[in-house]
Amino acid sequence: MDPDDFTAAFDELFPRAYGLARRIVGDPAVAEDVAAEALARAYARWGKVSQLPWRDGWVLRVASNLAIDHVRRRPPEVAAFAPADEDAVTLRLALAACLQALPRRQRQAVALHYLAGLTDAEVGQALGISAGSVKTHIHRGMAALRKVAPLGLE
């Protein structure tokens, strides 16, 4: 394993993993921990992960799973936030709960596409499925989310 290779990848991937985690958990410190854990897991498997054509998607999938798990297990105390932040916290908790209710593949496809900003092809590479399957999972996932949370999701 080439440490310089991981260092260059870390500099590129950490901000993306942090941004994704921040969108899910809201708290910058927790998002930083989630991103660091995702990159630590990548480092532990770097010999294999670095060779994947969907390396970025792998790291972002791990970050999204960790962030959703964090929100599901330990929701933040709404009272600890300023009143202006309560709506954002409530929205993040609702989003995490709705995502958690989706089947695993739909949850991963929706999170990677909408929260991480990956294309259908990149999501497909990260999940090891075709772009057509990605579109199906995203379509079904968004339809399920619209049923439980009609927030104008498009």
C-alpha atoms as a PDB file:
ATOM      1  CA  MET A   1       0.000   0.000   0.000  1.00  0.00           C
ATOM      2  CA  ASP A   2       1.325   3.395  -1.006  1.00  0.00           C
ATOM      3  CA  PRO A   3       0.770   5.939   1.803  1.00  0.00           C
ATOM      4  CA  ASP A   4       1.028   8.831  -0.671  1.00  0.00           C
ATOM      5  CA  ASP A   5      -1.815   7.313  -2.700  1.00  0.00           C
ATOM      6  CA  PHE A   6      -4.077   7.220   0.359  1.00  0.00           C
ATOM      7  CA  THR A   7      -3.048  10.730   1.427  1.00  0.00           C
ATOM      8  CA  ALA A   8      -4.016  12.131  -1.986  1.00  0.00           C
ATOM      9  CA  ALA A   9      -7.298  10.214  -1.909  1.00  0.00           C
ATOM     10  CA  PHE A  10      -7.978  11.358   1.661  1.00  0.00           C
ATOM     11  CA  ASP A  11      -7.568  15.010   0.673  1.00  0.00           C
ATOM     12  CA  GLU A  12     -10.154  14.488  -2.090  1.00  0.00           C
ATOM     13  CA  LEU A  13     -12.595  12.181  -0.294  1.00  0.00           C
ATOM     14  CA  PHE A  14     -12.757  13.603   3.232  1.00  0.00           C
ATOM     15  CA  PRO A  15     -14.523  16.863   2.260  1.00  0.00           C
ATOM     16  CA  ARG A  16     -17.076  14.929   0.208  1.00  0.00           C
ATOM     17  CA  ALA A  17     -17.733  12.412   2.998  1.00  0.00           C
ATOM     18  CA  TYR A  18     -17.962  15.272   5.516  1.00  0.00           C
ATOM     19  CA  GLY A  19     -20.448  17.192   3.341  1.00  0.00           C
ATOM     20  CA  LEU A  20     -22.634  14.121   2.916  1.00  0.00           C
ATOM     21  CA  ALA A  21     -22.564  13.328   6.630  1.00  0.00           C
ATOM     22  CA  ARG A  22     -23.271  16.962   7.521  1.00  0.00           C
ATOM     23  CA  ARG A  23     -26.408  16.925   5.364  1.00  0.00           C
ATOM     24  CA  ILE A  24     -27.662  13.883   7.253  1.00  0.00           C
ATOM     25  CA  VAL A  25     -26.622  14.537  10.861  1.00  0.00           C
ATOM     26  CA  GLY A  26     -26.499  18.333  10.910  1.00  0.00           C
ATOM     27  CA  ASP A  27     -23.848  18.561  13.629  1.00  0.00           C
ATOM     28  CA  PRO A  28     -20.409  19.494  12.193  1.00  0.00           C
ATOM     29  CA  ALA A  29     -18.487  17.607  14.892  1.00  0.00           C
ATOM     30  CA  VAL A  30     -20.487  14.411  14.384  1.00  0.00           C
ATOM     31  CA  ALA A  31     -20.181  14.783  10.608  1.00  0.00           C
ATOM     32  CA  GLU A  32     -16.415  15.057  10.983  1.00  0.00           C
ATOM     33  CA  ASP A  33     -16.365  11.886  13.106  1.00  0.00           C
ATOM     34  CA  VAL A  34     -18.498  10.050  10.543  1.00  0.00           C
ATOM     35  CA  ALA A  35     -16.256  11.137   7.664  1.00  0.00           C
ATOM     36  CA  ALA A  36     -13.141  10.167   9.619  1.00  0.00           C
ATOM     37  CA  GLU A  37     -14.596   6.736  10.398  1.00  0.00           C
ATOM     38  CA  ALA A  38     -15.505   6.194   6.733  1.00  0.00           C
ATOM     39  CA  LEU A  39     -11.951   7.075   5.678  1.00  0.00           C
ATOM     40  CA  ALA A  40     -10.494   4.920   8.467  1.00  0.00           C
ATOM     41  CA  ARG A  41     -12.473   1.967   7.138  1.00  0.00           C
ATOM     42  CA  ALA A  42     -11.223   2.750   3.638  1.00  0.00           C
ATOM     43  CA  TYR A  43      -7.637   2.900   4.918  1.00  0.00           C
ATOM     44  CA  ALA A  44      -7.996  -0.486   6.628  1.00  0.00           C
ATOM     45  CA  ARG A  45      -9.006  -1.986   3.264  1.00  0.00           C
ATOM     46  CA  TRP A  46      -7.012   0.380   1.043  1.00  0.00           C
ATOM     47  CA  GLY A  47      -5.285  -2.394  -0.875  1.00  0.00           C
ATOM     48  CA  LYS A  48      -8.693  -3.487  -2.205  1.00  0.00           C
ATOM     49  CA  VAL A  49     -10.632  -0.207  -2.084  1.00  0.00           C
ATOM     50  CA  SER A  50      -7.993   1.768  -4.000  1.00  0.00           C
ATOM     51  CA  GLN A  51      -8.365  -0.613  -6.953  1.00  0.00           C
ATOM     52  CA  LEU A  52     -12.156  -0.273  -7.171  1.00  0.00           C
ATOM     53  CA  PRO A  53     -13.451   1.784 -10.084  1.00  0.00           C
ATOM     54  CA  TRP A  54     -16.111   3.075  -7.679  1.00  0.00           C
ATOM     55  CA  ARG A  55     -13.711   3.928  -4.847  1.00  0.00           C
ATOM     56  CA  ASP A  56     -15.337   7.310  -4.190  1.00  0.00           C
ATOM     57  CA  GLY A  57     -18.802   5.765  -4.151  1.00  0.00           C
ATOM     58  CA  TRP A  58     -17.628   3.096  -1.708  1.00  0.00           C
ATOM     59  CA  VAL A  59     -16.387   5.708   0.747  1.00  0.00           C
ATOM     60  CA  LEU A  60     -19.530   7.830   0.363  1.00  0.00           C
ATOM     61  CA  ARG A  61     -21.781   4.787   0.831  1.00  0.00           C
ATOM     62  CA  VAL A  62     -19.960   3.948   4.062  1.00  0.00           C
ATOM     63  CA  ALA A  63     -20.274   7.580   5.217  1.00  0.00           C
ATOM     64  CA  SER A  64     -24.007   7.706   4.450  1.00  0.00           C
ATOM     65  CA  ASN A  65     -24.634   4.405   6.245  1.00  0.00           C
ATOM     66  CA  LEU A  66     -22.685   5.577   9.300  1.00  0.00           C
ATOM     67  CA  ALA A  67     -24.513   8.925   9.369  1.00  0.00           C
ATOM     68  CA  ILE A  68     -27.945   7.336   9.085  1.00  0.00           C
ATOM     69  CA  ASP A  69     -27.043   4.813  11.778  1.00  0.00           C
ATOM     70  CA  HIS A  70     -25.880   7.630  14.051  1.00  0.00           C
ATOM     71  CA  VAL A  71     -29.121   9.581  13.686  1.00  0.00           C
ATOM     72  CA  ARG A  72     -31.227   6.461  14.137  1.00  0.00           C
ATOM     73  CA  ARG A  73     -29.400   5.342  17.287  1.00  0.00           C
ATOM     74  CA  ARG A  74     -28.808   8.672  18.979  1.00  0.00           C
ATOM     75  CA  PRO A  75     -31.157  11.409  17.862  1.00  0.00           C
ATOM     76  CA  PRO A  76     -30.010  14.807  19.105  1.00  0.00           C
ATOM     77  CA  GLU A  77     -31.881  16.570  21.840  1.00  0.00           C
ATOM     78  CA  VAL A  78     -34.048  19.178  20.165  1.00  0.00           C
ATOM     79  CA  ALA A  79     -34.031  21.250  23.351  1.00  0.00           C
ATOM     80  CA  ALA A  80     -30.252  21.668  23.075  1.00  0.00           C
ATOM     81  CA  PHE A  81     -30.655  23.716  19.889  1.00  0.00           C
ATOM     82  CA  ALA A  82     -31.745  27.280  19.463  1.00  0.00           C
ATOM     83  CA  PRO A  83     -35.380  27.705  18.389  1.00  0.00           C
ATOM     84  CA  ALA A  84     -34.318  28.581  14.824  1.00  0.00           C
ATOM     85  CA  ASP A  85     -32.457  25.262  14.623  1.00  0.00           C
ATOM     86  CA  GLU A  86     -35.393  23.141  15.825  1.00  0.00           C
ATOM     87  CA  ASP A  87     -36.952  22.952  12.368  1.00  0.00           C
ATOM     88  CA  ALA A  88     -33.660  21.837  10.834  1.00  0.00           C
ATOM     89  CA  VAL A  89     -33.165  19.201  13.520  1.00  0.00           C
ATOM     90  CA  THR A  90     -36.724  17.957  13.136  1.00  0.00           C
ATOM     91  CA  LEU A  91     -36.294  17.776   9.368  1.00  0.00           C
ATOM     92  CA  ARG A  92     -33.013  15.833   9.668  1.00  0.00           C
ATOM     93  CA  LEU A  93     -34.539  13.378  12.120  1.00  0.00           C
ATOM     94  CA  ALA A  94     -37.543  12.888   9.851  1.00  0.00           C
ATOM     95  CA  LEU A  95     -35.276  12.424   6.826  1.00  0.00           C
ATOM     96  CA  ALA A  96     -33.149   9.845   8.621  1.00  0.00           C
ATOM     97  CA  ALA A  97     -36.240   7.978   9.848  1.00  0.00           C
ATOM     98  CA  CYS A  98     -37.757   7.955   6.359  1.00  0.00           C
ATOM     99  CA  LEU A  99     -34.504   6.799   4.774  1.00  0.00           C
ATOM    100  CA  GLN A 100     -34.129   4.083   7.392  1.00  0.00           C
ATOM    101  CA  ALA A 101     -37.601   2.784   6.518  1.00  0.00           C
ATOM    102  CA  LEU A 102     -36.565   2.169   2.890  1.00  0.00           C
ATOM    103  CA  PRO A 103     -35.116  -1.150   1.767  1.00  0.00           C
ATOM    104  CA  ARG A 104     -31.310  -1.112   1.899  1.00  0.00           C
ATOM    105  CA  ARG A 105     -30.636  -0.697  -1.836  1.00  0.00           C
ATOM    106  CA  GLN A 106     -33.234   2.046  -2.224  1.00  0.00           C
ATOM    107  CA  ARG A 107     -31.825   3.876   0.803  1.00  0.00           C
ATOM    108  CA  GLN A 108     -28.280   3.632  -0.519  1.00  0.00           C
ATOM    109  CA  ALA A 109     -29.235   4.724  -4.038  1.00  0.00           C
ATOM    110  CA  VAL A 110     -31.283   7.700  -2.831  1.00  0.00           C
ATOM    111  CA  ALA A 111     -28.618   8.833  -0.338  1.00  0.00           C
ATOM    112  CA  LEU A 112     -25.746   8.523  -2.811  1.00  0.00           C
ATOM    113  CA  HIS A 113     -27.641  10.232  -5.619  1.00  0.00           C
ATOM    114  CA  TYR A 114     -29.372  13.066  -3.763  1.00  0.00           C
ATOM    115  CA  LEU A 115     -27.170  13.625  -0.711  1.00  0.00           C
ATOM    116  CA  ALA A 116     -23.742  12.807  -2.156  1.00  0.00           C
ATOM    117  CA  GLY A 117     -24.503  14.133  -5.624  1.00  0.00           C
ATOM    118  CA  LEU A 118     -23.323  11.059  -7.531  1.00  0.00           C
ATOM    119  CA  THR A 119     -24.594  10.325 -11.033  1.00  0.00           C
ATOM    120  CA  ASP A 120     -26.629   7.190 -11.708  1.00  0.00           C
ATOM    121  CA  ALA A 121     -23.548   5.566 -13.243  1.00  0.00           C
ATOM    122  CA  GLU A 122     -21.405   6.413 -10.193  1.00  0.00           C
ATOM    123  CA  VAL A 123     -24.083   5.093  -7.828  1.00  0.00           C
ATOM    124  CA  GLY A 124     -24.271   1.927  -9.909  1.00  0.00           C
ATOM    125  CA  GLN A 125     -20.523   1.450  -9.687  1.00  0.00           C
ATOM    126  CA  ALA A 126     -20.549   2.039  -5.937  1.00  0.00           C
ATOM    127  CA  LEU A 127     -23.337  -0.467  -5.380  1.00  0.00           C
ATOM    128  CA  GLY A 128     -22.215  -2.944  -8.017  1.00  0.00           C
ATOM    129  CA  ILE A 129     -25.439  -2.671 -10.048  1.00  0.00           C
ATOM    130  CA  SER A 130     -26.388  -1.276 -13.456  1.00  0.00           C
ATOM    131  CA  ALA A 131     -27.417   2.339 -14.016  1.00  0.00           C
ATOM    132  CA  GLY A 132     -30.877   1.055 -14.965  1.00  0.00           C
ATOM    133  CA  SER A 133     -31.193  -0.688 -11.602  1.00  0.00           C
ATOM    134  CA  VAL A 134     -30.073   2.524  -9.899  1.00  0.00           C
ATOM    135  CA  LYS A 135     -32.861   4.445 -11.637  1.00  0.00           C
ATOM    136  CA  THR A 136     -35.370   1.807 -10.534  1.00  0.00           C
ATOM    137  CA  HIS A 137     -34.170   1.907  -6.905  1.00  0.00           C
ATOM    138  CA  ILE A 138     -34.207   5.714  -6.865  1.00  0.00           C
ATOM    139  CA  HIS A 139     -37.667   5.850  -8.444  1.00  0.00           C
ATOM    140  CA  ARG A 140     -39.113   3.324  -5.978  1.00  0.00           C
ATOM    141  CA  GLY A 141     -37.334   4.916  -3.030  1.00  0.00           C
ATOM    142  CA  MET A 142     -38.571   8.399  -3.882  1.00  0.00           C
ATOM    143  CA  ALA A 143     -42.103   7.069  -4.426  1.00  0.00           C
ATOM    144  CA  ALA A 144     -42.003   5.461  -0.973  1.00  0.00           C
ATOM    145  CA  LEU A 145     -40.640   8.664   0.570  1.00  0.00           C
ATOM    146  CA  ARG A 146     -43.418  10.710  -1.055  1.00  0.00           C
ATOM    147  CA  LYS A 147     -46.019   8.436   0.537  1.00  0.00           C
ATOM    148  CA  VAL A 148     -44.658   8.882   4.065  1.00  0.00           C
ATOM    149  CA  ALA A 149     -43.387  12.455   3.790  1.00  0.00           C
ATOM    150  CA  PRO A 150     -45.031  14.462   1.015  1.00  0.00           C
ATOM    151  CA  LEU A 151     -42.572  17.359   1.204  1.00  0.00           C
ATOM    152  CA  GLY A 152     -42.565  18.102  -2.507  1.00  0.00           C
ATOM    153  CA  LEU A 153     -39.790  15.573  -3.129  1.00  0.00           C
ATOM    154  CA  GLU A 154     -38.814  15.606  -6.792  1.00  0.00           C
END
